[in-house]
Amino acid sequence: MTDAATTSTTHTGTPVVKADSLIAGYIPGVNILNDCTLEAFQGELVGIIGPNGAGKSTLLKALFGLVTVTSGTVTLAGEDITNHKANSLVRAGIGFVPQTNNVFPSLTIEENMQMGMYLKPKEFTKRVSEIWELFPVLGERRSQRAGSLSGGERQSVAMARALMMNPKVLLLDEPSAGLSPVRQDETFIRTREINKTGVTIIMVEQNARRCLQICDRAYVLDQGRNAYEGTGRDLAKDPKVIELYLGTLATDVEDAAGH
């Protein structure tokens, strides 16, 4: 399935992030991404779904300079950032929340926020007060060690820390992984709330049903290539996407998309 079935969505202006025909992998000569393309516009929540091994997390890591791109380009607001180092991308306005090992467990919540602001320490006090408004529970528990928190709470800490630098774009890798259904719902709600503040979000997610419910647009990857793309609503109703990628979740997705 090499040709993406596209549902057109009208956008004007330059994408905040654009990945064009990326070829990338972890070992020279072994490509995980094979001509993969993605766009995210200002204020969008873009989902990336697909089977295990499709290259979803590799795509995020390629955007964030953690996997070498051997062909193709990544741009941020029209500027080429292909293979730039992660610290320079943070400074440029990209935040990244990995799936695992995404907090400093021996540090308090507040100290984790300080680590997120290491490039601009003088702005910490102002920025952390804004973060406490967005994550009030974290503010109340700021002196608690991150290692003592539940999985869902750690995910909130990781998101909050990535937001400390006030990024234009937030990359989320499997934010609901390993969480209970209740905590998954809280994480998806929190993701949408962050998006509504104006942050463009690109989210890789195994829970395809919930991802399609909340995202504006989504890409289905298969074997490192774009298989389908379109709005979350349209992909949720696409018979081929349902058959190939959503399986027994099809009924729930269709019901949700109709609401």
Protein backbone atom coordinates (compact mmCIF):
# COMPACT_ATOMS: atom_id res chain seq x y z
CA MET A 1 0.00 0.00 0.00
CA THR A 2 2.28 2.73 -1.26
CA ASP A 3 -0.16 5.33 -2.49
CA ALA A 4 -1.73 7.46 0.22
CA ALA A 5 -5.48 7.87 -0.06
CA THR A 6 -5.86 11.55 0.68
CA THR A 7 -8.83 13.44 2.05
CA SER A 8 -8.13 17.08 1.24
CA THR A 9 -8.20 19.71 3.95
CA THR A 10 -7.77 23.36 3.01
CA HIS A 11 -4.82 25.14 4.63
CA THR A 12 -3.14 28.40 3.82
CA GLY A 13 0.38 29.51 4.58
CA THR A 14 3.51 27.58 5.44
CA PRO A 15 3.25 24.44 7.58
CA VAL A 16 4.74 24.81 11.05
CA VAL A 17 6.42 21.44 10.52
CA LYS A 18 6.90 19.63 7.24
CA ALA A 19 8.61 16.32 6.61
CA ASP A 20 9.14 15.76 2.90
CA SER A 21 10.00 12.33 1.44
CA LEU A 22 11.99 11.18 4.49
CA ILE A 23 14.21 8.14 4.32
CA ALA A 24 15.73 7.29 7.70
CA GLY A 25 16.80 4.43 9.93
CA TYR A 26 18.99 3.39 12.83
CA ILE A 27 21.48 1.26 10.87
CA PRO A 28 23.12 2.37 7.62
CA GLY A 29 21.39 0.73 4.69
CA VAL A 30 18.40 -0.43 6.74
CA ASN A 31 15.61 2.11 6.31
CA ILE A 32 12.64 2.33 8.66
CA LEU A 33 11.12 5.35 6.92
CA ASN A 34 10.68 4.97 3.18
CA ASP A 35 9.62 8.20 1.45
CA CYS A 36 7.47 9.38 4.39
CA THR A 37 5.77 12.79 4.27
CA LEU A 38 3.89 14.80 6.91
CA GLU A 39 2.61 18.35 7.40
CA ALA A 40 1.31 20.09 10.52
CA PHE A 41 -0.16 23.59 10.40
CA GLN A 42 -0.44 26.19 13.15
CA GLY A 43 -2.72 25.03 15.97
CA GLU A 44 -3.36 21.56 14.53
CA LEU A 45 -3.43 18.29 16.43
CA VAL A 46 -2.06 15.71 14.01
CA GLY A 47 -2.20 11.99 14.78
CA ILE A 48 0.07 9.23 13.48
CA ILE A 49 -1.32 5.70 13.65
CA GLY A 50 -0.47 2.35 12.11
CA PRO A 51 0.63 -1.19 12.96
CA ASN A 52 3.61 -2.03 15.15
CA GLY A 53 6.85 -1.53 13.26
CA ALA A 54 5.31 0.93 10.80
CA GLY A 55 7.86 3.64 11.65
CA LYS A 56 5.63 5.91 13.73
CA SER A 57 8.08 6.59 16.56
CA THR A 58 10.97 6.72 14.11
CA LEU A 59 9.19 9.52 12.27
CA LEU A 60 8.94 11.59 15.47
CA LYS A 61 12.60 10.92 16.28
CA ALA A 62 13.58 11.96 12.76
CA LEU A 63 11.70 15.24 13.23
CA PHE A 64 13.59 15.78 16.52
CA GLY A 65 17.06 14.93 15.23
CA LEU A 66 17.34 11.62 17.10
CA VAL A 67 17.41 9.47 13.96
CA THR A 68 19.57 10.38 10.97
CA VAL A 69 17.65 11.39 7.87
CA THR A 70 19.55 10.12 4.82
CA SER A 71 17.20 11.60 2.23
CA GLY A 72 14.40 14.17 2.32
CA THR A 73 13.99 17.28 4.45
CA VAL A 74 12.42 18.48 7.69
CA THR A 75 11.42 22.14 7.94
CA LEU A 76 10.19 24.29 10.82
CA ALA A 77 8.21 27.32 9.60
CA GLY A 78 9.94 26.96 6.25
CA GLU A 79 13.47 26.72 7.67
CA ASP A 80 15.45 23.54 7.01
CA ILE A 81 16.14 21.74 10.32
CA THR A 82 17.03 18.33 8.88
CA ASN A 83 19.33 16.43 11.27
CA HIS A 84 19.75 19.40 13.61
CA LYS A 85 20.67 18.48 17.18
CA ALA A 86 17.89 18.09 19.71
CA ASN A 87 19.07 20.97 21.94
CA SER A 88 19.01 23.40 19.02
CA LEU A 89 15.52 22.19 18.09
CA VAL A 90 14.30 22.83 21.64
CA ARG A 91 15.66 26.35 21.39
CA ALA A 92 13.96 26.74 17.99
CA GLY A 93 10.58 25.81 19.45
CA ILE A 94 10.09 22.04 19.34
CA GLY A 95 9.28 19.99 22.44
CA PHE A 96 9.52 16.19 22.54
CA VAL A 97 8.00 13.76 25.05
CA PRO A 98 9.37 10.23 24.60
CA GLN A 99 7.30 7.18 25.48
CA THR A 100 9.56 5.93 28.30
CA ASN A 101 12.13 7.38 30.69
CA ASN A 102 10.52 10.77 30.25
CA VAL A 103 10.95 12.15 33.79
CA PHE A 104 13.83 12.48 36.25
CA PRO A 105 12.52 10.16 39.00
CA SER A 106 14.92 11.28 41.73
CA LEU A 107 13.99 14.95 41.26
CA THR A 108 10.87 16.72 42.49
CA ILE A 109 8.19 17.87 40.10
CA GLU A 110 9.47 21.44 40.37
CA GLU A 111 13.07 20.33 39.76
CA ASN A 112 11.86 18.49 36.65
CA MET A 113 10.40 21.79 35.47
CA GLN A 114 13.77 23.46 36.08
CA MET A 115 15.41 20.82 33.88
CA GLY A 116 12.93 21.71 31.16
CA MET A 117 14.02 25.35 31.38
CA TYR A 118 17.78 24.81 31.46
CA LEU A 119 18.27 26.87 28.29
CA LYS A 120 16.49 29.90 29.78
CA PRO A 121 16.88 29.68 33.57
CA LYS A 122 16.15 33.37 34.17
CA GLU A 123 12.62 32.90 32.82
CA PHE A 124 11.85 29.93 35.06
CA THR A 125 9.71 31.67 37.70
CA LYS A 126 7.40 33.29 35.18
CA ARG A 127 7.05 30.24 33.00
CA VAL A 128 6.53 27.73 35.81
CA SER A 129 3.63 29.80 37.19
CA GLU A 130 1.96 29.52 33.79
CA ILE A 131 2.56 25.76 33.79
CA TRP A 132 1.00 25.41 37.26
CA GLU A 133 -2.13 27.10 35.87
CA LEU A 134 -2.30 24.48 33.11
CA PHE A 135 -1.41 21.60 35.47
CA PRO A 136 -2.80 22.70 38.86
CA VAL A 137 -2.36 19.28 40.50
CA LEU A 138 1.35 19.33 39.68
CA GLY A 139 1.63 22.79 41.18
CA GLU A 140 0.04 21.58 44.41
CA ARG A 141 2.49 18.66 44.57
CA ARG A 142 5.56 20.44 43.24
CA SER A 143 7.83 19.20 46.05
CA GLN A 144 6.98 15.52 45.48
CA ARG A 145 9.56 13.31 43.80
CA ALA A 146 8.58 12.31 40.27
CA GLY A 147 9.56 8.71 40.95
CA SER A 148 6.73 8.34 43.44
CA LEU A 149 4.04 9.34 40.94
CA SER A 150 1.67 7.09 39.00
CA GLY A 151 2.18 6.49 35.29
CA GLY A 152 -0.44 9.05 34.34
CA GLU A 153 1.03 11.64 36.68
CA ARG A 154 4.49 11.06 35.27
CA GLN A 155 3.08 11.61 31.79
CA SER A 156 1.71 14.95 32.95
CA VAL A 157 5.12 15.88 34.37
CA ALA A 158 6.80 14.96 31.08
CA MET A 159 4.33 17.05 29.08
CA ALA A 160 4.63 19.98 31.47
CA ARG A 161 8.43 19.90 31.35
CA ALA A 162 8.38 19.87 27.53
CA LEU A 163 6.09 22.91 27.62
CA MET A 164 8.41 24.93 29.85
CA MET A 165 10.26 26.35 26.83
CA ASN A 166 6.90 27.46 25.36
CA PRO A 167 7.33 25.43 22.17
CA LYS A 168 5.54 26.07 18.89
CA VAL A 169 5.32 22.32 18.32
CA LEU A 170 4.97 19.42 20.78
CA LEU A 171 5.89 15.89 19.67
CA LEU A 172 4.21 13.15 21.75
CA ASP A 173 5.33 9.53 21.42
CA GLU A 174 2.64 7.09 22.63
CA PRO A 175 1.35 9.30 25.49
CA SER A 176 -1.26 6.71 26.59
CA ALA A 177 1.06 3.68 26.57
CA GLY A 178 0.84 1.57 29.71
CA LEU A 179 -1.89 3.66 31.33
CA SER A 180 -5.24 2.46 32.66
CA PRO A 181 -8.30 3.38 30.55
CA VAL A 182 -9.18 6.21 32.95
CA ARG A 183 -5.65 7.62 32.86
CA GLN A 184 -5.61 7.26 29.08
CA ASP A 185 -8.74 9.39 28.81
CA GLU A 186 -7.21 12.00 31.12
CA THR A 187 -4.08 12.09 28.95
CA PHE A 188 -6.08 12.57 25.74
CA ILE A 189 -8.15 15.33 27.36
CA ARG A 190 -4.97 17.01 28.58
CA THR A 191 -3.44 16.75 25.11
CA ARG A 192 -6.43 18.50 23.58
CA GLU A 193 -6.32 21.21 26.28
CA ILE A 194 -2.67 21.89 25.49
CA ASN A 195 -3.49 22.03 21.80
CA LYS A 196 -6.24 24.59 22.46
CA THR A 197 -3.65 26.95 23.95
CA GLY A 198 -2.20 27.25 20.42
CA VAL A 199 0.52 24.60 20.54
CA THR A 200 0.72 22.48 17.39
CA ILE A 201 0.84 18.81 18.41
CA ILE A 202 2.05 15.79 16.46
CA MET A 203 1.11 12.62 18.34
CA VAL A 204 2.05 9.00 17.70
CA GLU A 205 -0.57 6.75 19.27
CA GLN A 206 -1.32 3.00 19.37
CA ASN A 207 -4.87 3.69 20.55
CA ALA A 208 -6.05 4.49 17.03
CA ARG A 209 -9.70 4.87 18.01
CA ARG A 210 -9.07 7.63 20.56
CA CYS A 211 -6.43 9.27 18.42
CA LEU A 212 -8.85 9.67 15.51
CA GLN A 213 -11.50 11.04 17.87
CA ILE A 214 -9.41 13.96 19.06
CA CYS A 215 -7.08 14.80 16.16
CA ASP A 216 -7.78 17.29 13.40
CA ARG A 217 -5.91 15.26 10.80
CA ALA A 218 -4.09 11.96 10.85
CA TYR A 219 -1.63 9.86 8.92
CA VAL A 220 -1.68 6.08 8.71
CA LEU A 221 1.82 4.69 8.27
CA ASP A 222 2.57 1.22 6.97
CA GLN A 223 6.11 -0.09 6.41
CA GLY A 224 7.52 3.41 6.73
CA ARG A 225 5.27 4.91 4.07
CA ASN A 226 2.10 6.99 4.05
CA ALA A 227 -0.79 4.59 3.51
CA TYR A 228 -3.69 6.97 4.22
CA GLU A 229 -4.14 10.54 5.37
CA GLY A 230 -7.12 12.77 6.04
CA THR A 231 -9.20 14.21 8.85
CA GLY A 232 -9.65 12.10 11.94
CA ARG A 233 -13.36 11.88 11.24
CA ASP A 234 -12.91 10.76 7.63
CA LEU A 235 -10.28 8.15 8.44
CA ALA A 236 -12.47 6.79 11.23
CA LYS A 237 -15.20 6.13 8.66
CA ASP A 238 -12.97 4.88 5.82
CA PRO A 239 -13.81 1.20 5.19
CA LYS A 240 -10.23 0.30 4.20
CA VAL A 241 -8.73 1.98 7.27
CA ILE A 242 -11.28 0.21 9.47
CA GLU A 243 -10.59 -3.16 7.85
CA LEU A 244 -6.81 -2.94 7.84
CA TYR A 245 -5.95 -0.91 10.92
CA LEU A 246 -8.84 -0.58 13.35
CA GLY A 247 -10.18 -4.13 13.41
CA THR A 248 -12.61 -4.80 16.23
CA LEU A 249 -12.55 -1.13 17.19
CA ALA A 250 -14.43 -0.23 14.02
CA THR A 251 -17.89 0.10 15.53
CA ASP A 252 -16.69 2.31 18.37
CA VAL A 253 -14.76 4.54 15.97
CA GLU A 254 -17.70 4.97 13.64
CA ASP A 255 -19.99 5.79 16.53
CA ALA A 256 -17.54 8.34 17.92
CA ALA A 257 -16.98 9.94 14.53
CA GLY A 258 -20.70 10.45 14.11
CA HIS A 259 -21.00 12.49 17.30
